[in-house]
Structures are given as C-alpha cells and as structure tokens.
C-alpha cells in the first residue's frame, strides 16, 4: 500500500488531533478530525485542501470525542467540561448545546 496523501497539522494553530473518523458515502470520502484547540475539519480525500472547517472554541472545554451522522447532516461532540454540542453540517452552525447536569469534568 502506498501513501497517496498526507496532512501536517499546525501545532500552534490547531494543536494535535484528538479524534478522527471517516465518512464514506460512496460519492464522498471525508476524513473528519477534531483538534485540541476546538477545530472540526472535514478533509475530502479526493480533492486537495479542506472541504470544511468549524470552530468550536474552548469556552465549553476541549473536545474529547465526536459522532457523525452517516448522511453527513449533523455532527455532535462532547467536551472535557461536560458539554454536548450538535452542529448542522449543511449550514455549518451549532444548533444546540447541552451541559451535563452534575457539571462533571473529564480528567
């Protein structure tokens, strides 16, 4: 197997990737990763550059994990400070934020 593409993250701008998932819908192959500093990046593996980029920010804590809709309509993420944030990928907007009732913090 040969390496076809690679990507180097800017450690000062994004930090490192904290979670990586792949969406393969037939017409699109998108590698999605979340970074330490709150970016969610969609990288279409068949096209150069970034397909989309969402900035979650750090006010609700560092992203620890995320889940993607197989139809690529939404994405939801969890943060270290107990927040769950849902994003609409069609309009690239956060649609709701929920905080864990006990205010748990993941260490």
PDB file of N, CA and C in Angstrom:
ATOM      1  N   UNK A   1       0.848  -1.171   0.000  1.00  0.00           N
ATOM      2  CA  UNK A   1       0.000   0.000   0.000  1.00  0.00           C
ATOM      3  C   UNK A   1       0.896   1.236   0.000  1.00  0.00           C
ATOM      4  N   UNK A   2       0.601   2.182  -0.861  1.00  0.00           N
ATOM      5  CA  UNK A   2       1.369   3.422  -0.974  1.00  0.00           C
ATOM      6  C   UNK A   2       0.603   4.591  -0.376  1.00  0.00           C
ATOM      7  N   UNK A   3       1.330   5.505   0.224  1.00  0.00           N
ATOM      8  CA  UNK A   3       0.744   6.727   0.750  1.00  0.00           C
ATOM      9  C   UNK A   3       0.392   7.643  -0.414  1.00  0.00           C
ATOM     10  N   UNK A   4      -0.866   8.054  -0.481  1.00  0.00           N
ATOM     11  CA  UNK A   4      -1.326   8.905  -1.572  1.00  0.00           C
ATOM     12  C   UNK A   4      -1.387  10.366  -1.140  1.00  0.00           C
ATOM     13  N   UNK A   5      -1.864  10.617   0.082  1.00  0.00           N
ATOM     14  CA  UNK A   5      -1.966  11.976   0.601  1.00  0.00           C
ATOM     15  C   UNK A   5      -1.538  11.986   2.059  1.00  0.00           C
ATOM     16  N   UNK A   6      -1.095  13.126   2.516  1.00  0.00           N
ATOM     17  CA  UNK A   6      -0.800  13.296   3.939  1.00  0.00           C
ATOM     18  C   UNK A   6      -1.124  14.734   4.325  1.00  0.00           C
ATOM     19  N   UNK A   7      -1.251  14.958   5.601  1.00  0.00           N
ATOM     20  CA  UNK A   7      -1.562  16.296   6.094  1.00  0.00           C
ATOM     21  C   UNK A   7      -0.781  16.543   7.372  1.00  0.00           C
ATOM     22  N   UNK A   8      -0.158  17.691   7.441  1.00  0.00           N
ATOM     23  CA  UNK A   8       0.593  18.102   8.624  1.00  0.00           C
ATOM     24  C   UNK A   8      -0.216  19.182   9.329  1.00  0.00           C
ATOM     25  N   UNK A   9      -0.584  18.949  10.583  1.00  0.00           N
ATOM     26  CA  UNK A   9      -1.326  19.951  11.342  1.00  0.00           C
ATOM     27  C   UNK A   9      -0.374  20.999  11.895  1.00  0.00           C
ATOM     28  N   UNK A  10      -0.852  22.233  11.951  1.00  0.00           N
ATOM     29  CA  UNK A  10      -0.081  23.325  12.531  1.00  0.00           C
ATOM     30  C   UNK A  10      -0.265  23.273  14.049  1.00  0.00           C
ATOM     31  N   UNK A  11       0.785  22.907  14.764  1.00  0.00           N
ATOM     32  CA  UNK A  11       0.695  22.730  16.215  1.00  0.00           C
ATOM     33  C   UNK A  11       0.328  24.021  16.937  1.00  0.00           C
ATOM     34  N   UNK A  12       0.742  25.165  16.432  1.00  0.00           N
ATOM     35  CA  UNK A  12       0.420  26.437  17.080  1.00  0.00           C
ATOM     36  C   UNK A  12      -1.030  26.841  16.845  1.00  0.00           C
ATOM     37  N   UNK A  13      -1.552  26.551  15.675  1.00  0.00           N
ATOM     38  CA  UNK A  13      -2.916  26.954  15.323  1.00  0.00           C
ATOM     39  C   UNK A  13      -3.962  25.957  15.809  1.00  0.00           C
ATOM     40  N   UNK A  14      -3.715  24.664  15.615  1.00  0.00           N
ATOM     41  CA  UNK A  14      -4.724  23.644  15.898  1.00  0.00           C
ATOM     42  C   UNK A  14      -4.391  22.724  17.064  1.00  0.00           C
ATOM     43  N   UNK A  15      -3.129  22.576  17.405  1.00  0.00           N
ATOM     44  CA  UNK A  15      -2.754  21.529  18.346  1.00  0.00           C
ATOM     45  C   UNK A  15      -2.765  20.206  17.598  1.00  0.00           C
ATOM     46  N   UNK A  16      -2.935  19.131  18.310  1.00  0.00           N
ATOM     47  CA  UNK A  16      -2.962  17.823  17.657  1.00  0.00           C
ATOM     48  C   UNK A  16      -4.394  17.326  17.505  1.00  0.00           C
ATOM     49  N   UNK A  17      -4.578  16.288  16.707  1.00  0.00           N
ATOM     50  CA  UNK A  17      -5.902  15.693  16.511  1.00  0.00           C
ATOM     51  C   UNK A  17      -6.265  14.874  17.742  1.00  0.00           C
ATOM     52  N   UNK A  18      -7.471  15.091  18.278  1.00  0.00           N
ATOM     53  CA  UNK A  18      -7.921  14.354  19.456  1.00  0.00           C
ATOM     54  C   UNK A  18      -8.882  13.228  19.100  1.00  0.00           C
ATOM     55  N   UNK A  19      -9.495  13.295  17.926  1.00  0.00           N
ATOM     56  CA  UNK A  19     -10.381  12.229  17.450  1.00  0.00           C
ATOM     57  C   UNK A  19     -10.434  12.303  15.931  1.00  0.00           C
ATOM     58  N   UNK A  20     -10.492  11.148  15.293  1.00  0.00           N
ATOM     59  CA  UNK A  20     -10.525  11.066  13.832  1.00  0.00           C
ATOM     60  C   UNK A  20     -11.573  10.034  13.438  1.00  0.00           C
ATOM     61  N   UNK A  21     -12.426  10.389  12.461  1.00  0.00           N
ATOM     62  CA  UNK A  21     -13.421   9.455  11.938  1.00  0.00           C
ATOM     63  C   UNK A  21     -13.512   9.628  10.433  1.00  0.00           C
ATOM     64  N   UNK A  22     -13.997   8.602   9.769  1.00  0.00           N
ATOM     65  CA  UNK A  22     -14.100   8.634   8.314  1.00  0.00           C
ATOM     66  C   UNK A  22     -15.547   8.460   7.886  1.00  0.00           C
ATOM     67  N   UNK A  23     -15.960   9.252   6.918  1.00  0.00           N
ATOM     68  CA  UNK A  23     -17.276   9.131   6.294  1.00  0.00           C
ATOM     69  C   UNK A  23     -17.075   8.690   4.857  1.00  0.00           C
ATOM     70  N   UNK A  24     -17.666   7.583   4.501  1.00  0.00           N
ATOM     71  CA  UNK A  24     -17.590   7.123   3.118  1.00  0.00           C
ATOM     72  C   UNK A  24     -19.012   6.882   2.643  1.00  0.00           C
ATOM     73  N   UNK A  25     -19.542   7.848   1.910  1.00  0.00           N
ATOM     74  CA  UNK A  25     -20.925   7.757   1.450  1.00  0.00           C
ATOM     75  C   UNK A  25     -21.021   7.330  -0.009  1.00  0.00           C
ATOM     76  N   UNK A  26     -19.940   6.842  -0.566  1.00  0.00           N
ATOM     77  CA  UNK A  26     -19.951   6.468  -1.975  1.00  0.00           C
ATOM     78  C   UNK A  26     -19.508   7.614  -2.849  1.00  0.00           C
ATOM     79  N   UNK A  27     -20.234   8.721  -2.785  1.00  0.00           N
ATOM     80  CA  UNK A  27     -19.872   9.879  -3.597  1.00  0.00           C
ATOM     81  C   UNK A  27     -18.805  10.735  -2.925  1.00  0.00           C
ATOM     82  N   UNK A  28     -18.640  10.577  -1.612  1.00  0.00           N
ATOM     83  CA  UNK A  28     -17.648  11.355  -0.874  1.00  0.00           C
ATOM     84  C   UNK A  28     -16.897  10.455   0.096  1.00  0.00           C
ATOM     85  N   UNK A  29     -15.617  10.689   0.209  1.00  0.00           N
ATOM     86  CA  UNK A  29     -14.799  10.071   1.253  1.00  0.00           C
ATOM     87  C   UNK A  29     -14.185  11.211   2.043  1.00  0.00           C
ATOM     88  N   UNK A  30     -14.718  11.446   3.227  1.00  0.00           N
ATOM     89  CA  UNK A  30     -14.285  12.581   4.034  1.00  0.00           C
ATOM     90  C   UNK A  30     -13.682  12.068   5.334  1.00  0.00           C
ATOM     91  N   UNK A  31     -12.472  12.505   5.615  1.00  0.00           N
ATOM     92  CA  UNK A  31     -11.824  12.235   6.887  1.00  0.00           C
ATOM     93  C   UNK A  31     -12.098  13.443   7.770  1.00  0.00           C
ATOM     94  N   UNK A  32     -12.709  13.217   8.926  1.00  0.00           N
ATOM     95  CA  UNK A  32     -13.064  14.306   9.831  1.00  0.00           C
ATOM     96  C   UNK A  32     -12.224  14.162  11.093  1.00  0.00           C
ATOM     97  N   UNK A  33     -11.617  15.269  11.517  1.00  0.00           N
ATOM     98  CA  UNK A  33     -10.842  15.220  12.754  1.00  0.00           C
ATOM     99  C   UNK A  33     -11.133  16.448  13.606  1.00  0.00           C
ATOM    100  N   UNK A  34     -11.047  16.248  14.919  1.00  0.00           N
ATOM    101  CA  UNK A  34     -11.196  17.326  15.889  1.00  0.00           C
ATOM    102  C   UNK A  34      -9.821  17.613  16.461  1.00  0.00           C
ATOM    103  N   UNK A  35      -9.532  18.889  16.689  1.00  0.00           N
ATOM    104  CA  UNK A  35      -8.210  19.259  17.189  1.00  0.00           C
ATOM    105  C   UNK A  35      -8.279  19.737  18.642  1.00  0.00           C
ATOM    106  N   UNK A  36      -7.138  19.779  19.268  1.00  0.00           N
ATOM    107  CA  UNK A  36      -7.026  20.175  20.669  1.00  0.00           C
ATOM    108  C   UNK A  36      -7.600  21.563  20.916  1.00  0.00           C
ATOM    109  N   UNK A  37      -7.453  22.477  19.958  1.00  0.00           N
ATOM    110  CA  UNK A  37      -7.908  23.847  20.152  1.00  0.00           C
ATOM    111  C   UNK A  37      -9.314  24.110  19.613  1.00  0.00           C
ATOM    112  N   UNK A  38     -10.098  23.060  19.371  1.00  0.00           N
ATOM    113  CA  UNK A  38     -11.513  23.228  19.081  1.00  0.00           C
ATOM    114  C   UNK A  38     -11.930  23.268  17.632  1.00  0.00           C
ATOM    115  N   UNK A  39     -11.056  22.955  16.701  1.00  0.00           N
ATOM    116  CA  UNK A  39     -11.451  22.938  15.287  1.00  0.00           C
ATOM    117  C   UNK A  39     -11.991  21.562  14.913  1.00  0.00           C
ATOM    118  N   UNK A  40     -13.001  21.549  14.070  1.00  0.00           N
ATOM    119  CA  UNK A  40     -13.518  20.332  13.446  1.00  0.00           C
ATOM    120  C   UNK A  40     -13.282  20.501  11.957  1.00  0.00           C
ATOM    121  N   UNK A  41     -12.539  19.581  11.375  1.00  0.00           N
ATOM    122  CA  UNK A  41     -12.096  19.743   9.994  1.00  0.00           C
ATOM    123  C   UNK A  41     -12.550  18.555   9.166  1.00  0.00           C
ATOM    124  N   UNK A  42     -13.191  18.849   8.031  1.00  0.00           N
ATOM    125  CA  UNK A  42     -13.564  17.825   7.061  1.00  0.00           C
ATOM    126  C   UNK A  42     -12.599  17.875   5.895  1.00  0.00           C
ATOM    127  N   UNK A  43     -11.933  16.771   5.645  1.00  0.00           N
ATOM    128  CA  UNK A  43     -10.925  16.686   4.585  1.00  0.00           C
ATOM    129  C   UNK A  43     -11.411  15.682   3.555  1.00  0.00           C
ATOM    130  N   UNK A  44     -11.857  16.171   2.397  1.00  0.00           N
ATOM    131  CA  UNK A  44     -12.299  15.299   1.307  1.00  0.00           C
ATOM    132  C   UNK A  44     -11.058  14.660   0.698  1.00  0.00           C
ATOM    133  N   UNK A  45     -10.952  13.354   0.797  1.00  0.00           N
ATOM    134  CA  UNK A  45      -9.742  12.653   0.376  1.00  0.00           C
ATOM    135  C   UNK A  45      -9.542  12.644  -1.129  1.00  0.00           C
ATOM    136  N   UNK A  46     -10.565  13.040  -1.885  1.00  0.00           N
ATOM    137  CA  UNK A  46     -10.438  13.050  -3.344  1.00  0.00           C
ATOM    138  C   UNK A  46     -10.183  14.438  -3.907  1.00  0.00           C
ATOM    139  N   UNK A  47     -10.069  15.425  -3.041  1.00  0.00           N
ATOM    140  CA  UNK A  47      -9.840  16.797  -3.507  1.00  0.00           C
ATOM    141  C   UNK A  47      -8.741  17.433  -2.651  1.00  0.00           C
ATOM    142  N   UNK A  48      -7.962  18.324  -3.225  1.00  0.00           N
ATOM    143  CA  UNK A  48      -6.930  18.989  -2.426  1.00  0.00           C
ATOM    144  C   UNK A  48      -7.554  20.001  -1.462  1.00  0.00           C
ATOM    145  N   UNK A  49      -6.923  20.193  -0.343  1.00  0.00           N
ATOM    146  CA  UNK A  49      -7.380  21.201   0.607  1.00  0.00           C
ATOM    147  C   UNK A  49      -8.452  20.687   1.549  1.00  0.00           C
ATOM    148  N   UNK A  50      -9.028  21.616   2.289  1.00  0.00           N
ATOM    149  CA  UNK A  50     -10.029  21.317   3.306  1.00  0.00           C
ATOM    150  C   UNK A  50     -11.426  21.503   2.731  1.00  0.00           C
ATOM    151  N   UNK A  51     -12.316  20.518   2.949  1.00  0.00           N
ATOM    152  CA  UNK A  51     -13.701  20.618   2.475  1.00  0.00           C
ATOM    153  C   UNK A  51     -14.490  21.608   3.332  1.00  0.00           C
ATOM    154  N   UNK A  52     -14.330  21.524   4.645  1.00  0.00           N
ATOM    155  CA  UNK A  52     -14.981  22.458   5.556  1.00  0.00           C
ATOM    156  C   UNK A  52     -14.232  22.487   6.883  1.00  0.00           C
ATOM    157  N   UNK A  53     -14.457  23.565   7.629  1.00  0.00           N
ATOM    158  CA  UNK A  53     -13.810  23.738   8.932  1.00  0.00           C
ATOM    159  C   UNK A  53     -14.785  24.459   9.854  1.00  0.00           C
ATOM    160  N   UNK A  54     -15.013  23.900  11.026  1.00  0.00           N
ATOM    161  CA  UNK A  54     -15.871  24.503  12.033  1.00  0.00           C
ATOM    162  C   UNK A  54     -15.017  24.859  13.239  1.00  0.00           C
ATOM    163  N   UNK A  55     -15.277  26.001  13.835  1.00  0.00           N
ATOM    164  CA  UNK A  55     -14.531  26.427  15.022  1.00  0.00           C
ATOM    165  C   UNK A  55     -15.439  26.313  16.237  1.00  0.00           C
ATOM    166  N   UNK A  56     -15.178  25.336  17.078  1.00  0.00           N
ATOM    167  CA  UNK A  56     -15.988  25.146  18.276  1.00  0.00           C
ATOM    168  C   UNK A  56     -15.538  26.045  19.419  1.00  0.00           C
ATOM    169  N   UNK A  57     -14.302  26.470  19.427  1.00  0.00           N
ATOM    170  CA  UNK A  57     -13.804  27.316  20.504  1.00  0.00           C
ATOM    171  C   UNK A  57     -13.543  26.503  21.768  1.00  0.00           C
ATOM    172  N   UNK A  58     -13.014  27.150  22.782  1.00  0.00           N
ATOM    173  CA  UNK A  58     -12.651  26.444  24.011  1.00  0.00           C
ATOM    174  C   UNK A  58     -13.471  26.879  25.218  1.00  0.00           C
ATOM    175  N   UNK A  59     -14.479  27.725  25.029  1.00  0.00           N
ATOM    176  CA  UNK A  59     -15.258  28.220  26.169  1.00  0.00           C
ATOM    177  C   UNK A  59     -16.015  27.104  26.875  1.00  0.00           C
ATOM    178  N   UNK A  60     -16.319  26.016  26.166  1.00  0.00           N
ATOM    179  CA  UNK A  60     -17.023  24.884  26.772  1.00  0.00           C
ATOM    180  C   UNK A  60     -16.097  23.689  27.001  1.00  0.00           C
ATOM    181  N   UNK A  61     -14.801  23.906  26.884  1.00  0.00           N
ATOM    182  CA  UNK A  61     -13.834  22.842  27.149  1.00  0.00           C
ATOM    183  C   UNK A  61     -13.269  22.242  25.875  1.00  0.00           C
ATOM    184  N   UNK A  62     -12.218  21.459  26.050  1.00  0.00           N
ATOM    185  CA  UNK A  62     -11.572  20.782  24.926  1.00  0.00           C
ATOM    186  C   UNK A  62     -12.441  19.636  24.422  1.00  0.00           C
ATOM    187  N   UNK A  63     -12.498  19.450  23.111  1.00  0.00           N
ATOM    188  CA  UNK A  63     -13.238  18.335  22.514  1.00  0.00           C
ATOM    189  C   UNK A  63     -12.555  17.029  22.910  1.00  0.00           C
ATOM    190  N   UNK A  64     -13.352  16.062  23.349  1.00  0.00           N
ATOM    191  CA  UNK A  64     -12.801  14.741  23.664  1.00  0.00           C
ATOM    192  C   UNK A  64     -13.237  13.692  22.655  1.00  0.00           C
ATOM    193  N   UNK A  65     -14.421  13.861  22.067  1.00  0.00           N
ATOM    194  CA  UNK A  65     -14.910  12.899  21.087  1.00  0.00           C
ATOM    195  C   UNK A  65     -16.027  13.528  20.264  1.00  0.00           C
ATOM    196  N   UNK A  66     -16.355  12.899  19.128  1.00  0.00           N
ATOM    197  CA  UNK A  66     -17.492  13.355  18.336  1.00  0.00           C
ATOM    198  C   UNK A  66     -18.112  12.182  17.597  1.00  0.00           C
ATOM    199  N   UNK A  67     -19.335  12.398  17.133  1.00  0.00           N
ATOM    200  CA  UNK A  67     -20.091  11.379  16.406  1.00  0.00           C
ATOM    201  C   UNK A  67     -20.666  12.030  15.155  1.00  0.00           C
ATOM    202  N   UNK A  68     -20.575  11.313  14.027  1.00  0.00           N
ATOM    203  CA  UNK A  68     -21.047  11.837  12.747  1.00  0.00           C
ATOM    204  C   UNK A  68     -22.296  11.117  12.279  1.00  0.00           C
ATOM    205  N   UNK A  69     -23.206  11.864  11.690  1.00  0.00           N
ATOM    206  CA  UNK A  69     -24.363  11.296  11.011  1.00  0.00           C
ATOM    207  C   UNK A  69     -23.883  10.684   9.696  1.00  0.00           C
ATOM    208  N   UNK A  70     -24.317   9.462   9.394  1.00  0.00           N
ATOM    209  CA  UNK A  70     -23.868   8.800   8.165  1.00  0.00           C
ATOM    210  C   UNK A  70     -24.337   9.521   6.907  1.00  0.00           C
ATOM    211  N   UNK A  71     -25.370  10.355   7.016  1.00  0.00           N
ATOM    212  CA  UNK A  71     -25.854  11.134   5.869  1.00  0.00           C
ATOM    213  C   UNK A  71     -25.172  12.499   5.787  1.00  0.00           C
ATOM    214  N   UNK A  72     -24.236  12.751   6.694  1.00  0.00           N
ATOM    215  CA  UNK A  72     -23.451  13.981   6.734  1.00  0.00           C
ATOM    216  C   UNK A  72     -24.303  15.232   6.943  1.00  0.00           C
ATOM    217  N   UNK A  73     -25.395  15.095   7.705  1.00  0.00           N
ATOM    218  CA  UNK A  73     -26.249  16.241   8.010  1.00  0.00           C
ATOM    219  C   UNK A  73     -25.875  16.901   9.327  1.00  0.00           C
ATOM    220  N   UNK A  74     -25.385  16.112  10.284  1.00  0.00           N
ATOM    221  CA  UNK A  74     -25.067  16.663  11.594  1.00  0.00           C
ATOM    222  C   UNK A  74     -23.858  15.971  12.200  1.00  0.00           C
ATOM    223  N   UNK A  75     -23.320  16.629  13.205  1.00  0.00           N
ATOM    224  CA  UNK A  75     -22.193  16.129  13.984  1.00  0.00           C
ATOM    225  C   UNK A  75     -22.456  16.541  15.421  1.00  0.00           C
ATOM    226  N   UNK A  76     -22.184  15.672  16.363  1.00  0.00           N
ATOM    227  CA  UNK A  76     -22.299  16.048  17.765  1.00  0.00           C
ATOM    228  C   UNK A  76     -20.987  15.739  18.463  1.00  0.00           C
ATOM    229  N   UNK A  77     -20.619  16.584  19.404  1.00  0.00           N
ATOM    230  CA  UNK A  77     -19.334  16.400  20.075  1.00  0.00           C
ATOM    231  C   UNK A  77     -19.503  16.504  21.580  1.00  0.00           C
ATOM    232  N   UNK A  78     -18.549  15.941  22.291  1.00  0.00           N
ATOM    233  CA  UNK A  78     -18.502  16.033  23.739  1.00  0.00           C
ATOM    234  C   UNK A  78     -17.214  16.713  24.156  1.00  0.00           C
ATOM    235  N   UNK A  79     -17.286  17.499  25.226  1.00  0.00           N
ATOM    236  CA  UNK A  79     -16.097  18.207  25.695  1.00  0.00           C
ATOM    237  C   UNK A  79     -15.685  17.730  27.084  1.00  0.00           C
ATOM    238  N   UNK A  80     -14.498  18.100  27.450  1.00  0.00           N
ATOM    239  CA  UNK A  80     -13.927  17.741  28.740  1.00  0.00           C
ATOM    240  C   UNK A  80     -14.741  18.318  29.900  1.00  0.00           C
ATOM    241  N   UNK A  81     -15.422  19.433  29.688  1.00  0.00           N
ATOM    242  CA  UNK A  81     -16.189  20.084  30.747  1.00  0.00           C
ATOM    243  C   UNK A  81     -17.643  19.646  30.807  1.00  0.00           C
ATOM    244  N   UNK A  82     -18.008  18.581  30.107  1.00  0.00           N
ATOM    245  CA  UNK A  82     -19.351  18.024  30.201  1.00  0.00           C
ATOM    246  C   UNK A  82     -20.376  18.604  29.245  1.00  0.00           C
ATOM    247  N   UNK A  83     -19.951  19.298  28.213  1.00  0.00           N
ATOM    248  CA  UNK A  83     -20.876  19.847  27.223  1.00  0.00           C
ATOM    249  C   UNK A  83     -21.048  18.878  26.061  1.00  0.00           C
ATOM    250  N   UNK A  84     -22.246  18.874  25.496  1.00  0.00           N
ATOM    251  CA  UNK A  84     -22.552  18.151  24.261  1.00  0.00           C
ATOM    252  C   UNK A  84     -23.076  19.198  23.287  1.00  0.00           C
ATOM    253  N   UNK A  85     -22.426  19.328  22.152  1.00  0.00           N
ATOM    254  CA  UNK A  85     -22.778  20.361  21.182  1.00  0.00           C
ATOM    255  C   UNK A  85     -23.088  19.696  19.856  1.00  0.00           C
ATOM    256  N   UNK A  86     -24.262  20.004  19.298  1.00  0.00           N
ATOM    257  CA  UNK A  86     -24.662  19.460  17.998  1.00  0.00           C
ATOM    258  C   UNK A  86     -24.484  20.536  16.934  1.00  0.00           C
ATOM    259  N   UNK A  87     -23.885  20.140  15.812  1.00  0.00           N
ATOM    260  CA  UNK A  87     -23.646  21.034  14.675  1.00  0.00           C
ATOM    261  C   UNK A  87     -24.449  20.563  13.476  1.00  0.00           C
ATOM    262  N   UNK A  88     -25.044  21.504  12.747  1.00  0.00           N
ATOM    263  CA  UNK A  88     -25.678  21.229  11.462  1.00  0.00           C
ATOM    264  C   UNK A  88     -24.596  21.381  10.400  1.00  0.00           C
ATOM    265  N   UNK A  89     -24.229  20.280   9.744  1.00  0.00           N
ATOM    266  CA  UNK A  89     -23.150  20.328   8.760  1.00  0.00           C
ATOM    267  C   UNK A  89     -23.575  20.975   7.447  1.00  0.00           C
ATOM    268  N   UNK A  90     -24.878  21.003   7.164  1.00  0.00           N
ATOM    269  CA  UNK A  90     -25.337  21.634   5.923  1.00  0.00           C
ATOM    270  C   UNK A  90     -25.112  23.139   5.957  1.00  0.00           C
ATOM    271  N   UNK A  91     -25.402  23.753   7.114  1.00  0.00           N
ATOM    272  CA  UNK A  91     -25.262  25.202   7.262  1.00  0.00           C
ATOM    273  C   UNK A  91     -24.032  25.582   8.088  1.00  0.00           C
ATOM    274  N   UNK A  92     -23.327  24.586   8.597  1.00  0.00           N
ATOM    275  CA  UNK A  92     -22.110  24.766   9.390  1.00  0.00           C
ATOM    276  C   UNK A  92     -22.343  25.685  10.588  1.00  0.00           C
ATOM    277  N   UNK A  93     -23.415  25.375  11.334  1.00  0.00           N
ATOM    278  CA  UNK A  93     -23.790  26.157  12.511  1.00  0.00           C
ATOM    279  C   UNK A  93     -24.046  25.234  13.696  1.00  0.00           C
ATOM    280  N   UNK A  94     -23.685  25.677  14.914  1.00  0.00           N
ATOM    281  CA  UNK A  94     -24.075  24.900  16.091  1.00  0.00           C
ATOM    282  C   UNK A  94     -25.575  25.060  16.303  1.00  0.00           C
ATOM    283  N   UNK A  95     -26.284  23.956  16.560  1.00  0.00           N
ATOM    284  CA  UNK A  95     -27.740  24.048  16.683  1.00  0.00           C
ATOM    285  C   UNK A  95     -28.232  23.895  18.114  1.00  0.00           C
ATOM    286  N   UNK A  96     -27.464  23.229  18.964  1.00  0.00           N
ATOM    287  CA  UNK A  96     -27.860  23.138  20.366  1.00  0.00           C
ATOM    288  C   UNK A  96     -26.658  22.783  21.223  1.00  0.00           C
ATOM    289  N   UNK A  97     -26.726  23.207  22.481  1.00  0.00           N
ATOM    290  CA  UNK A  97     -25.690  22.889  23.459  1.00  0.00           C
ATOM    291  C   UNK A  97     -26.365  22.390  24.723  1.00  0.00           C
ATOM    292  N   UNK A  98     -25.891  21.267  25.220  1.00  0.00           N
ATOM    293  CA  UNK A  98     -26.432  20.677  26.445  1.00  0.00           C
ATOM    294  C   UNK A  98     -25.270  20.481  27.410  1.00  0.00           C
ATOM    295  N   UNK A  99     -25.465  20.831  28.673  1.00  0.00           N
ATOM    296  CA  UNK A  99     -24.421  20.606  29.677  1.00  0.00           C
ATOM    297  C   UNK A  99     -24.877  19.511  30.622  1.00  0.00           C
ATOM    298  N   UNK A 100     -23.978  18.621  30.957  1.00  0.00           N
ATOM    299  CA  UNK A 100     -24.273  17.549  31.901  1.00  0.00           C
ATOM    300  C   UNK A 100     -24.735  18.173  33.213  1.00  0.00           C
ATOM    301  N   UNK A 101     -25.840  17.670  33.778  1.00  0.00           N
ATOM    302  CA  UNK A 101     -26.467  18.304  34.941  1.00  0.00           C
ATOM    303  C   UNK A 101     -25.561  18.370  36.162  1.00  0.00           C
ATOM    304  N   UNK A 102     -24.683  17.409  36.328  1.00  0.00           N
ATOM    305  CA  UNK A 102     -23.818  17.436  37.508  1.00  0.00           C
ATOM    306  C   UNK A 102     -22.555  18.253  37.278  1.00  0.00           C
ATOM    307  N   UNK A 103     -22.375  18.771  36.058  1.00  0.00           N
ATOM    308  CA  UNK A 103     -21.200  19.571  35.758  1.00  0.00           C
ATOM    309  C   UNK A 103     -19.912  18.777  35.821  1.00  0.00           C
ATOM    310  N   UNK A 104     -20.000  17.491  35.509  1.00  0.00           N
ATOM    311  CA  UNK A 104     -18.821  16.628  35.553  1.00  0.00           C
ATOM    312  C   UNK A 104     -17.728  17.133  34.634  1.00  0.00           C
ATOM    313  N   UNK A 105     -16.520  16.978  35.089  1.00  0.00           N
ATOM    314  CA  UNK A 105     -15.358  17.326  34.281  1.00  0.00           C
ATOM    315  C   UNK A 105     -14.548  16.063  34.068  1.00  0.00           C
ATOM    316  N   UNK A 106     -14.198  15.803  32.828  1.00  0.00           N
ATOM    317  CA  UNK A 106     -13.400  14.639  32.457  1.00  0.00           C
ATOM    318  C   UNK A 106     -11.931  14.972  32.656  1.00  0.00           C
ATOM    319  N   UNK A 107     -11.224  14.132  33.357  1.00  0.00           N
ATOM    320  CA  UNK A 107      -9.793  14.393  33.590  1.00  0.00           C
ATOM    321  C   UNK A 107      -8.960  13.426  32.790  1.00  0.00           C
TER     322      UNK A 107
END
